[in-house]
Amino acid sequence: MSRRVAGWHGSRGLTAGMFDRTGRFLRFYLLHLAGKPLAGKGKADLEGQLPDGRYFALEVKRPGEKPTPEQVAFLTTVRSNNGLAAVIVDYDEAQMALFGVGNENQNNANRT
């Protein structure tokens, strides 16, 4: 393991990350998807809670870009557990995905 990369077991499981140039520890995440092994890739760019209490995950891409297989697996898991998940390219698509409002000419953000 590199001197700059470290991992340890805490009360919540494995935490991994690396030290930056100032010696500060930057944590990475491990994704816990139901029925799948721990993953270090695939988490959405934007996530939070909707007013009705459901979890949302938005993956932001440039026009024409596609999500990675790991991102698709994450978004699929969110959807299958009653969450809202979408791939978006701009603010209007985020509004449409989250609240059903925005520029009606935009393609609704389900690219996965």
Foldseek 3Di string as FASTA:
>chain_A
DDPFKDWDQDPVGIWIFGADPVRDTDTFDWDDFPPDDTDRDQFAPDWDAAPVGAIEGEHEDAPPDDDDPSVVVVQVSSVVVVHFYFYDHDDQLVCCSRPVDGDPPDDNGHPD
